[in-house]
């Protein structure tokens, strides 16, 4: 089980579940693997071993996550460099729960 601190923020996770539920597990694994700068590099040769999906499906799901504004990535012949979007609290700093519709 993942530690909660390695789990994506709830509003981001709900966004993925609503629009691209097939990307949710990948997004959680990426979030759990990020460094302190919310970035990670993944060797293309390790994709199937680490994520149990083909490199093509991996790239397609990265594109879906990028379209949602949750990450950006660059591809080289050897690896992907991925930057996750950091979670910023709203300006009001209230303790209100997020509403989901």
PDB file of N, CA and C in Angstrom:
ATOM      1  N   UNK A   1       0.839  -1.193   0.000  1.00  0.00           N
ATOM      2  CA  UNK A   1       0.000   0.000   0.000  1.00  0.00           C
ATOM      3  C   UNK A   1       0.873   1.240   0.000  1.00  0.00           C
ATOM      4  N   UNK A   2       0.468   2.217  -0.739  1.00  0.00           N
ATOM      5  CA  UNK A   2       1.221   3.460  -0.803  1.00  0.00           C
ATOM      6  C   UNK A   2       1.005   4.275   0.468  1.00  0.00           C
ATOM      7  N   UNK A   3       2.053   4.981   0.880  1.00  0.00           N
ATOM      8  CA  UNK A   3       1.938   5.915   1.977  1.00  0.00           C
ATOM      9  C   UNK A   3       1.103   7.093   1.489  1.00  0.00           C
ATOM     10  N   UNK A   4       0.228   7.633   2.338  1.00  0.00           N
ATOM     11  CA  UNK A   4      -0.655   8.716   1.895  1.00  0.00           C
ATOM     12  C   UNK A   4       0.120   9.930   1.391  1.00  0.00           C
ATOM     13  N   UNK A   5       1.318  10.176   1.931  1.00  0.00           N
ATOM     14  CA  UNK A   5       2.099  11.326   1.468  1.00  0.00           C
ATOM     15  C   UNK A   5       2.576  11.140   0.028  1.00  0.00           C
ATOM     16  N   UNK A   6       2.559   9.904  -0.470  1.00  0.00           N
ATOM     17  CA  UNK A   6       2.940   9.628  -1.851  1.00  0.00           C
ATOM     18  C   UNK A   6       1.737   9.578  -2.784  1.00  0.00           C
ATOM     19  N   UNK A   7       0.570   9.903  -2.260  1.00  0.00           N
ATOM     20  CA  UNK A   7      -0.655   9.846  -3.046  1.00  0.00           C
ATOM     21  C   UNK A   7      -0.949  11.217  -3.640  1.00  0.00           C
ATOM     22  N   UNK A   8      -1.467  11.283  -4.854  1.00  0.00           N
ATOM     23  CA  UNK A   8      -1.777  12.595  -5.452  1.00  0.00           C
ATOM     24  C   UNK A   8      -2.819  13.351  -4.634  1.00  0.00           C
ATOM     25  N   UNK A   9      -2.809  14.668  -4.706  1.00  0.00           N
ATOM     26  CA  UNK A   9      -3.845  15.450  -4.023  1.00  0.00           C
ATOM     27  C   UNK A   9      -5.237  15.054  -4.520  1.00  0.00           C
ATOM     28  N   UNK A  10      -6.171  15.045  -3.633  1.00  0.00           N
ATOM     29  CA  UNK A  10      -7.516  14.575  -3.936  1.00  0.00           C
ATOM     30  C   UNK A  10      -8.153  15.275  -5.150  1.00  0.00           C
ATOM     31  N   UNK A  11      -8.092  16.605  -5.284  1.00  0.00           N
ATOM     32  CA  UNK A  11      -8.711  17.228  -6.456  1.00  0.00           C
ATOM     33  C   UNK A  11      -8.100  16.750  -7.776  1.00  0.00           C
ATOM     34  N   UNK A  12      -6.786  16.543  -7.809  1.00  0.00           N
ATOM     35  CA  UNK A  12      -6.127  16.052  -9.022  1.00  0.00           C
ATOM     36  C   UNK A  12      -6.549  14.612  -9.311  1.00  0.00           C
ATOM     37  N   UNK A  13      -6.592  13.810  -8.276  1.00  0.00           N
ATOM     38  CA  UNK A  13      -6.964  12.410  -8.444  1.00  0.00           C
ATOM     39  C   UNK A  13      -8.406  12.291  -8.926  1.00  0.00           C
ATOM     40  N   UNK A  14      -9.298  13.077  -8.357  1.00  0.00           N
ATOM     41  CA  UNK A  14     -10.702  13.059  -8.786  1.00  0.00           C
ATOM     42  C   UNK A  14     -10.830  13.500 -10.245  1.00  0.00           C
ATOM     43  N   UNK A  15     -10.037  14.456 -10.658  1.00  0.00           N
ATOM     44  CA  UNK A  15     -10.047  14.924 -12.046  1.00  0.00           C
ATOM     45  C   UNK A  15      -9.701  13.770 -12.988  1.00  0.00           C
ATOM     46  N   UNK A  16      -8.674  13.007 -12.641  1.00  0.00           N
ATOM     47  CA  UNK A  16      -8.278  11.863 -13.462  1.00  0.00           C
ATOM     48  C   UNK A  16      -9.349  10.787 -13.450  1.00  0.00           C
ATOM     49  N   UNK A  17      -9.917  10.511 -12.295  1.00  0.00           N
ATOM     50  CA  UNK A  17     -10.962   9.486 -12.230  1.00  0.00           C
ATOM     51  C   UNK A  17     -12.173   9.860 -13.076  1.00  0.00           C
ATOM     52  N   UNK A  18     -12.493  11.144 -13.137  1.00  0.00           N
ATOM     53  CA  UNK A  18     -13.627  11.589 -13.948  1.00  0.00           C
ATOM     54  C   UNK A  18     -13.351  11.501 -15.438  1.00  0.00           C
ATOM     55  N   UNK A  19     -12.166  11.931 -15.874  1.00  0.00           N
ATOM     56  CA  UNK A  19     -11.914  12.086 -17.304  1.00  0.00           C
ATOM     57  C   UNK A  19     -11.133  10.948 -17.938  1.00  0.00           C
ATOM     58  N   UNK A  20     -10.157  10.391 -17.244  1.00  0.00           N
ATOM     59  CA  UNK A  20      -9.334   9.306 -17.780  1.00  0.00           C
ATOM     60  C   UNK A  20      -9.076   8.265 -16.686  1.00  0.00           C
ATOM     61  N   UNK A  21     -10.090   7.516 -16.279  1.00  0.00           N
ATOM     62  CA  UNK A  21      -9.897   6.570 -15.170  1.00  0.00           C
ATOM     63  C   UNK A  21      -8.824   5.517 -15.451  1.00  0.00           C
ATOM     64  N   UNK A  22      -8.589   5.208 -16.714  1.00  0.00           N
ATOM     65  CA  UNK A  22      -7.564   4.219 -17.040  1.00  0.00           C
ATOM     66  C   UNK A  22      -6.157   4.733 -16.732  1.00  0.00           C
ATOM     67  N   UNK A  23      -6.002   6.032 -16.503  1.00  0.00           N
ATOM     68  CA  UNK A  23      -4.701   6.636 -16.192  1.00  0.00           C
ATOM     69  C   UNK A  23      -4.453   6.783 -14.691  1.00  0.00           C
ATOM     70  N   UNK A  24      -5.442   6.480 -13.872  1.00  0.00           N
ATOM     71  CA  UNK A  24      -5.351   6.746 -12.432  1.00  0.00           C
ATOM     72  C   UNK A  24      -4.213   5.979 -11.761  1.00  0.00           C
ATOM     73  N   UNK A  25      -4.061   4.702 -12.077  1.00  0.00           N
ATOM     74  CA  UNK A  25      -2.996   3.920 -11.445  1.00  0.00           C
ATOM     75  C   UNK A  25      -1.625   4.437 -11.847  1.00  0.00           C
ATOM     76  N   UNK A  26      -1.444   4.745 -13.124  1.00  0.00           N
ATOM     77  CA  UNK A  26      -0.167   5.308 -13.576  1.00  0.00           C
ATOM     78  C   UNK A  26       0.118   6.625 -12.866  1.00  0.00           C
ATOM     79  N   UNK A  27      -0.888   7.476 -12.749  1.00  0.00           N
ATOM     80  CA  UNK A  27      -0.701   8.771 -12.090  1.00  0.00           C
ATOM     81  C   UNK A  27      -0.281   8.575 -10.631  1.00  0.00           C
ATOM     82  N   UNK A  28      -0.896   7.633  -9.941  1.00  0.00           N
ATOM     83  CA  UNK A  28      -0.514   7.352  -8.552  1.00  0.00           C
ATOM     84  C   UNK A  28       0.930   6.855  -8.470  1.00  0.00           C
ATOM     85  N   UNK A  29       1.319   5.984  -9.369  1.00  0.00           N
ATOM     86  CA  UNK A  29       2.686   5.464  -9.353  1.00  0.00           C
ATOM     87  C   UNK A  29       3.698   6.559  -9.676  1.00  0.00           C
ATOM     88  N   UNK A  30       3.366   7.435 -10.607  1.00  0.00           N
ATOM     89  CA  UNK A  30       4.267   8.550 -10.920  1.00  0.00           C
ATOM     90  C   UNK A  30       4.385   9.476  -9.714  1.00  0.00           C
ATOM     91  N   UNK A  31       3.269   9.777  -9.078  1.00  0.00           N
ATOM     92  CA  UNK A  31       3.270  10.669  -7.925  1.00  0.00           C
ATOM     93  C   UNK A  31       4.109  10.069  -6.794  1.00  0.00           C
ATOM     94  N   UNK A  32       4.019   8.775  -6.598  1.00  0.00           N
ATOM     95  CA  UNK A  32       4.782   8.106  -5.553  1.00  0.00           C
ATOM     96  C   UNK A  32       6.273   8.026  -5.847  1.00  0.00           C
ATOM     97  N   UNK A  33       6.651   8.169  -7.113  1.00  0.00           N
ATOM     98  CA  UNK A  33       8.059   8.074  -7.511  1.00  0.00           C
ATOM     99  C   UNK A  33       8.740   9.426  -7.705  1.00  0.00           C
ATOM    100  N   UNK A  34       8.001  10.509  -7.554  1.00  0.00           N
ATOM    101  CA  UNK A  34       8.555  11.841  -7.816  1.00  0.00           C
ATOM    102  C   UNK A  34       9.635  12.210  -6.802  1.00  0.00           C
ATOM    103  N   UNK A  35      10.518  13.132  -7.197  1.00  0.00           N
ATOM    104  CA  UNK A  35      11.510  13.646  -6.251  1.00  0.00           C
ATOM    105  C   UNK A  35      10.965  14.913  -5.595  1.00  0.00           C
ATOM    106  N   UNK A  36      11.786  15.614  -4.842  1.00  0.00           N
ATOM    107  CA  UNK A  36      11.323  16.816  -4.133  1.00  0.00           C
ATOM    108  C   UNK A  36      10.961  17.950  -5.082  1.00  0.00           C
ATOM    109  N   UNK A  37      11.404  17.872  -6.325  1.00  0.00           N
ATOM    110  CA  UNK A  37      11.062  18.887  -7.335  1.00  0.00           C
ATOM    111  C   UNK A  37       9.877  18.453  -8.191  1.00  0.00           C
ATOM    112  N   UNK A  38       9.163  17.426  -7.750  1.00  0.00           N
ATOM    113  CA  UNK A  38       8.006  16.895  -8.466  1.00  0.00           C
ATOM    114  C   UNK A  38       8.371  16.436  -9.877  1.00  0.00           C
ATOM    115  N   UNK A  39       9.530  15.824 -10.024  1.00  0.00           N
ATOM    116  CA  UNK A  39       9.990  15.354 -11.328  1.00  0.00           C
ATOM    117  C   UNK A  39      10.542  13.946 -11.207  1.00  0.00           C
ATOM    118  N   UNK A  40      10.626  13.256 -12.334  1.00  0.00           N
ATOM    119  CA  UNK A  40      11.246  11.945 -12.382  1.00  0.00           C
ATOM    120  C   UNK A  40      11.662  11.632 -13.808  1.00  0.00           C
ATOM    121  N   UNK A  41      12.655  10.782 -13.934  1.00  0.00           N
ATOM    122  CA  UNK A  41      13.117  10.294 -15.227  1.00  0.00           C
ATOM    123  C   UNK A  41      12.910   8.791 -15.252  1.00  0.00           C
ATOM    124  N   UNK A  42      12.362   8.306 -16.354  1.00  0.00           N
ATOM    125  CA  UNK A  42      12.076   6.882 -16.480  1.00  0.00           C
ATOM    126  C   UNK A  42      12.714   6.370 -17.760  1.00  0.00           C
ATOM    127  N   UNK A  43      13.561   5.356 -17.623  1.00  0.00           N
ATOM    128  CA  UNK A  43      14.152   4.710 -18.792  1.00  0.00           C
ATOM    129  C   UNK A  43      13.060   3.991 -19.562  1.00  0.00           C
ATOM    130  N   UNK A  44      13.059   4.147 -20.865  1.00  0.00           N
ATOM    131  CA  UNK A  44      12.048   3.487 -21.684  1.00  0.00           C
ATOM    132  C   UNK A  44      12.129   1.968 -21.563  1.00  0.00           C
ATOM    133  N   UNK A  45      13.325   1.460 -21.345  1.00  0.00           N
ATOM    134  CA  UNK A  45      13.486   0.002 -21.222  1.00  0.00           C
ATOM    135  C   UNK A  45      12.891  -0.545 -19.925  1.00  0.00           C
ATOM    136  N   UNK A  46      12.622   0.319 -18.951  1.00  0.00           N
ATOM    137  CA  UNK A  46      12.075  -0.109 -17.659  1.00  0.00           C
ATOM    138  C   UNK A  46      10.560   0.046 -17.552  1.00  0.00           C
ATOM    139  N   UNK A  47       9.924   0.560 -18.579  1.00  0.00           N
ATOM    140  CA  UNK A  47       8.491   0.870 -18.496  1.00  0.00           C
ATOM    141  C   UNK A  47       7.663  -0.377 -18.216  1.00  0.00           C
ATOM    142  N   UNK A  48       7.853  -1.420 -19.000  1.00  0.00           N
ATOM    143  CA  UNK A  48       7.026  -2.611 -18.787  1.00  0.00           C
ATOM    144  C   UNK A  48       7.287  -3.227 -17.422  1.00  0.00           C
ATOM    145  N   UNK A  49       8.533  -3.275 -17.012  1.00  0.00           N
ATOM    146  CA  UNK A  49       8.888  -3.876 -15.716  1.00  0.00           C
ATOM    147  C   UNK A  49       8.279  -3.101 -14.555  1.00  0.00           C
ATOM    148  N   UNK A  50       8.336  -1.780 -14.607  1.00  0.00           N
ATOM    149  CA  UNK A  50       7.870  -0.954 -13.488  1.00  0.00           C
ATOM    150  C   UNK A  50       6.373  -0.678 -13.489  1.00  0.00           C
ATOM    151  N   UNK A  51       5.765  -0.604 -14.688  1.00  0.00           N
ATOM    152  CA  UNK A  51       4.368  -0.180 -14.767  1.00  0.00           C
ATOM    153  C   UNK A  51       3.430  -1.241 -15.343  1.00  0.00           C
ATOM    154  N   UNK A  52       3.994  -2.337 -15.851  1.00  0.00           N
ATOM    155  CA  UNK A  52       3.226  -3.439 -16.420  1.00  0.00           C
ATOM    156  C   UNK A  52       2.290  -3.007 -17.554  1.00  0.00           C
ATOM    157  N   UNK A  53       2.747  -2.030 -18.326  1.00  0.00           N
ATOM    158  CA  UNK A  53       2.052  -1.608 -19.535  1.00  0.00           C
ATOM    159  C   UNK A  53       3.097  -1.429 -20.627  1.00  0.00           C
ATOM    160  N   UNK A  54       2.663  -1.463 -21.860  1.00  0.00           N
ATOM    161  CA  UNK A  54       3.597  -1.307 -22.973  1.00  0.00           C
ATOM    162  C   UNK A  54       4.081   0.141 -23.054  1.00  0.00           C
ATOM    163  N   UNK A  55       5.236   0.357 -23.647  1.00  0.00           N
ATOM    164  CA  UNK A  55       5.724   1.730 -23.811  1.00  0.00           C
ATOM    165  C   UNK A  55       4.757   2.628 -24.585  1.00  0.00           C
ATOM    166  N   UNK A  56       4.039   2.074 -25.538  1.00  0.00           N
ATOM    167  CA  UNK A  56       3.075   2.873 -26.305  1.00  0.00           C
ATOM    168  C   UNK A  56       1.901   3.306 -25.436  1.00  0.00           C
ATOM    169  N   UNK A  57       1.371   2.387 -24.651  1.00  0.00           N
ATOM    170  CA  UNK A  57       0.271   2.721 -23.738  1.00  0.00           C
ATOM    171  C   UNK A  57       0.758   3.735 -22.701  1.00  0.00           C
ATOM    172  N   UNK A  58       1.979   3.553 -22.200  1.00  0.00           N
ATOM    173  CA  UNK A  58       2.560   4.495 -21.241  1.00  0.00           C
ATOM    174  C   UNK A  58       2.574   5.909 -21.829  1.00  0.00           C
ATOM    175  N   UNK A  59       3.085   6.047 -23.049  1.00  0.00           N
ATOM    176  CA  UNK A  59       3.157   7.361 -23.680  1.00  0.00           C
ATOM    177  C   UNK A  59       1.758   7.942 -23.899  1.00  0.00           C
ATOM    178  N   UNK A  60       0.826   7.118 -24.351  1.00  0.00           N
ATOM    179  CA  UNK A  60      -0.540   7.601 -24.573  1.00  0.00           C
ATOM    180  C   UNK A  60      -1.179   8.100 -23.283  1.00  0.00           C
ATOM    181  N   UNK A  61      -0.913   7.406 -22.191  1.00  0.00           N
ATOM    182  CA  UNK A  61      -1.470   7.836 -20.905  1.00  0.00           C
ATOM    183  C   UNK A  61      -0.782   9.097 -20.393  1.00  0.00           C
ATOM    184  N   UNK A  62       0.514   9.239 -20.673  1.00  0.00           N
ATOM    185  CA  UNK A  62       1.191  10.496 -20.331  1.00  0.00           C
ATOM    186  C   UNK A  62       0.554  11.659 -21.079  1.00  0.00           C
ATOM    187  N   UNK A  63       0.225  11.441 -22.346  1.00  0.00           N
ATOM    188  CA  UNK A  63      -0.425  12.487 -23.135  1.00  0.00           C
ATOM    189  C   UNK A  63      -1.772  12.846 -22.519  1.00  0.00           C
ATOM    190  N   UNK A  64      -2.554  11.852 -22.100  1.00  0.00           N
ATOM    191  CA  UNK A  64      -3.840  12.123 -21.443  1.00  0.00           C
ATOM    192  C   UNK A  64      -3.648  12.958 -20.182  1.00  0.00           C
ATOM    193  N   UNK A  65      -2.664  12.593 -19.368  1.00  0.00           N
ATOM    194  CA  UNK A  65      -2.390  13.342 -18.134  1.00  0.00           C
ATOM    195  C   UNK A  65      -1.912  14.756 -18.446  1.00  0.00           C
ATOM    196  N   UNK A  66      -1.148  14.903 -19.520  1.00  0.00           N
ATOM    197  CA  UNK A  66      -0.682  16.229 -19.926  1.00  0.00           C
ATOM    198  C   UNK A  66      -1.866  17.080 -20.409  1.00  0.00           C
ATOM    199  N   UNK A  67      -2.783  16.474 -21.137  1.00  0.00           N
ATOM    200  CA  UNK A  67      -3.973  17.201 -21.602  1.00  0.00           C
ATOM    201  C   UNK A  67      -4.817  17.699 -20.441  1.00  0.00           C
ATOM    202  N   UNK A  68      -4.783  16.997 -19.331  1.00  0.00           N
ATOM    203  CA  UNK A  68      -5.511  17.414 -18.137  1.00  0.00           C
ATOM    204  C   UNK A  68      -4.752  18.488 -17.352  1.00  0.00           C
ATOM    205  N   UNK A  69      -3.533  18.799 -17.765  1.00  0.00           N
ATOM    206  CA  UNK A  69      -2.753  19.827 -17.083  1.00  0.00           C
ATOM    207  C   UNK A  69      -2.089  19.350 -15.809  1.00  0.00           C
ATOM    208  N   UNK A  70      -1.900  18.030 -15.663  1.00  0.00           N
ATOM    209  CA  UNK A  70      -1.351  17.492 -14.431  1.00  0.00           C
ATOM    210  C   UNK A  70       0.133  17.161 -14.515  1.00  0.00           C
ATOM    211  N   UNK A  71       0.681  17.171 -15.708  1.00  0.00           N
ATOM    212  CA  UNK A  71       2.112  16.933 -15.860  1.00  0.00           C
ATOM    213  C   UNK A  71       2.576  17.443 -17.206  1.00  0.00           C
ATOM    214  N   UNK A  72       3.875  17.545 -17.340  1.00  0.00           N
ATOM    215  CA  UNK A  72       4.498  17.792 -18.630  1.00  0.00           C
ATOM    216  C   UNK A  72       5.608  16.764 -18.775  1.00  0.00           C
ATOM    217  N   UNK A  73       5.946  16.432 -20.009  1.00  0.00           N
ATOM    218  CA  UNK A  73       7.013  15.456 -20.200  1.00  0.00           C
ATOM    219  C   UNK A  73       7.771  15.735 -21.478  1.00  0.00           C
ATOM    220  N   UNK A  74       9.006  15.277 -21.471  1.00  0.00           N
ATOM    221  CA  UNK A  74       9.864  15.324 -22.640  1.00  0.00           C
ATOM    222  C   UNK A  74      10.350  13.913 -22.892  1.00  0.00           C
ATOM    223  N   UNK A  75      10.497  13.588 -24.154  1.00  0.00           N
ATOM    224  CA  UNK A  75      10.916  12.251 -24.529  1.00  0.00           C
ATOM    225  C   UNK A  75      12.243  12.311 -25.269  1.00  0.00           C
ATOM    226  N   UNK A  76      13.123  11.400 -24.939  1.00  0.00           N
ATOM    227  CA  UNK A  76      14.369  11.223 -25.685  1.00  0.00           C
ATOM    228  C   UNK A  76      14.365   9.778 -26.182  1.00  0.00           C
ATOM    229  N   UNK A  77      15.331   9.379 -26.972  1.00  0.00           N
ATOM    230  CA  UNK A  77      15.364   7.976 -27.407  1.00  0.00           C
ATOM    231  C   UNK A  77      15.529   6.985 -26.253  1.00  0.00           C
ATOM    232  N   UNK A  78      16.040   7.437 -25.118  1.00  0.00           N
ATOM    233  CA  UNK A  78      16.353   6.531 -24.013  1.00  0.00           C
ATOM    234  C   UNK A  78      15.387   6.647 -22.834  1.00  0.00           C
ATOM    235  N   UNK A  79      14.883   7.822 -22.536  1.00  0.00           N
ATOM    236  CA  UNK A  79      14.068   7.990 -21.339  1.00  0.00           C
ATOM    237  C   UNK A  79      13.001   9.063 -21.524  1.00  0.00           C
ATOM    238  N   UNK A  80      12.071   9.087 -20.542  1.00  0.00           N
ATOM    239  CA  UNK A  80      11.086  10.158 -20.403  1.00  0.00           C
ATOM    240  C   UNK A  80      11.478  10.978 -19.194  1.00  0.00           C
ATOM    241  N   UNK A  81      11.418  12.300 -19.327  1.00  0.00           N
ATOM    242  CA  UNK A  81      11.579  13.194 -18.188  1.00  0.00           C
ATOM    243  C   UNK A  81      10.204  13.786 -17.925  1.00  0.00           C
ATOM    244  N   UNK A  82       9.681  13.548 -16.725  1.00  0.00           N
ATOM    245  CA  UNK A  82       8.306  13.931 -16.383  1.00  0.00           C
ATOM    246  C   UNK A  82       8.328  14.907 -15.221  1.00  0.00           C
ATOM    247  N   UNK A  83       7.579  15.989 -15.360  1.00  0.00           N
ATOM    248  CA  UNK A  83       7.395  16.957 -14.277  1.00  0.00           C
ATOM    249  C   UNK A  83       5.923  16.992 -13.912  1.00  0.00           C
ATOM    250  N   UNK A  84       5.627  16.628 -12.670  1.00  0.00           N
ATOM    251  CA  UNK A  84       4.257  16.674 -12.173  1.00  0.00           C
ATOM    252  C   UNK A  84       3.933  18.085 -11.705  1.00  0.00           C
ATOM    253  N   UNK A  85       2.699  18.459 -11.849  1.00  0.00           N
ATOM    254  CA  UNK A  85       2.260  19.778 -11.391  1.00  0.00           C
ATOM    255  C   UNK A  85       2.064  19.709  -9.886  1.00  0.00           C
ATOM    256  N   UNK A  86       2.718  20.600  -9.159  1.00  0.00           N
ATOM    257  CA  UNK A  86       2.630  20.630  -7.698  1.00  0.00           C
ATOM    258  C   UNK A  86       1.254  21.146  -7.286  1.00  0.00           C
ATOM    259  N   UNK A  87       0.810  20.687  -6.138  1.00  0.00           N
ATOM    260  CA  UNK A  87      -0.489  21.101  -5.609  1.00  0.00           C
ATOM    261  C   UNK A  87      -0.339  22.390  -4.827  1.00  0.00           C
ATOM    262  N   UNK A  88      -1.081  23.402  -5.210  1.00  0.00           N
ATOM    263  CA  UNK A  88      -1.082  24.681  -4.499  1.00  0.00           C
ATOM    264  C   UNK A  88      -2.453  24.872  -3.875  1.00  0.00           C
ATOM    265  N   UNK A  89      -2.452  25.208  -2.609  1.00  0.00           N
ATOM    266  CA  UNK A  89      -3.729  25.472  -1.933  1.00  0.00           C
ATOM    267  C   UNK A  89      -4.346  26.740  -2.476  1.00  0.00           C
ATOM    268  N   UNK A  90      -5.637  26.827  -2.367  1.00  0.00           N
ATOM    269  CA  UNK A  90      -6.342  28.024  -2.801  1.00  0.00           C
ATOM    270  C   UNK A  90      -5.944  29.197  -1.915  1.00  0.00           C
ATOM    271  N   UNK A  91      -6.112  30.396  -2.426  1.00  0.00           N
ATOM    272  CA  UNK A  91      -5.701  31.620  -1.739  1.00  0.00           C
ATOM    273  C   UNK A  91      -6.368  31.797  -0.378  1.00  0.00           C
ATOM    274  N   UNK A  92      -7.587  31.284  -0.206  1.00  0.00           N
ATOM    275  CA  UNK A  92      -8.310  31.575   1.034  1.00  0.00           C
ATOM    276  C   UNK A  92      -7.795  30.785   2.233  1.00  0.00           C
ATOM    277  N   UNK A  93      -6.980  29.744   2.027  1.00  0.00           N
ATOM    278  CA  UNK A  93      -6.411  28.933   3.100  1.00  0.00           C
ATOM    279  C   UNK A  93      -7.464  28.427   4.082  1.00  0.00           C
ATOM    280  N   UNK A  94      -8.672  28.236   3.606  1.00  0.00           N
ATOM    281  CA  UNK A  94      -9.702  27.716   4.504  1.00  0.00           C
ATOM    282  C   UNK A  94      -9.557  26.213   4.639  1.00  0.00           C
ATOM    283  N   UNK A  95     -10.180  25.686   5.674  1.00  0.00           N
ATOM    284  CA  UNK A  95     -10.142  24.257   5.925  1.00  0.00           C
ATOM    285  C   UNK A  95     -11.371  23.550   5.346  1.00  0.00           C
ATOM    286  N   UNK A  96     -12.078  24.238   4.457  1.00  0.00           N
ATOM    287  CA  UNK A  96     -13.275  23.649   3.857  1.00  0.00           C
ATOM    288  C   UNK A  96     -12.897  22.445   3.013  1.00  0.00           C
ATOM    289  N   UNK A  97     -13.802  21.487   2.990  1.00  0.00           N
ATOM    290  CA  UNK A  97     -13.601  20.320   2.145  1.00  0.00           C
ATOM    291  C   UNK A  97     -13.826  20.710   0.684  1.00  0.00           C
ATOM    292  N   UNK A  98     -13.177  20.023  -0.202  1.00  0.00           N
ATOM    293  CA  UNK A  98     -13.387  20.254  -1.626  1.00  0.00           C
ATOM    294  C   UNK A  98     -14.713  19.640  -2.037  1.00  0.00           C
ATOM    295  N   UNK A  99     -15.413  20.318  -2.891  1.00  0.00           N
ATOM    296  CA  UNK A  99     -16.668  19.795  -3.398  1.00  0.00           C
ATOM    297  C   UNK A  99     -16.426  19.125  -4.731  1.00  0.00           C
ATOM    298  N   UNK A 100     -17.027  17.973  -4.903  1.00  0.00           N
ATOM    299  CA  UNK A 100     -16.910  17.250  -6.158  1.00  0.00           C
ATOM    300  C   UNK A 100     -18.317  17.013  -6.682  1.00  0.00           C
ATOM    301  N   UNK A 101     -18.491  17.287  -7.946  1.00  0.00           N
ATOM    302  CA  UNK A 101     -19.820  17.043  -8.520  1.00  0.00           C
ATOM    303  C   UNK A 101     -19.767  15.957  -9.543  1.00  0.00           C
TER     304      UNK A 101
END
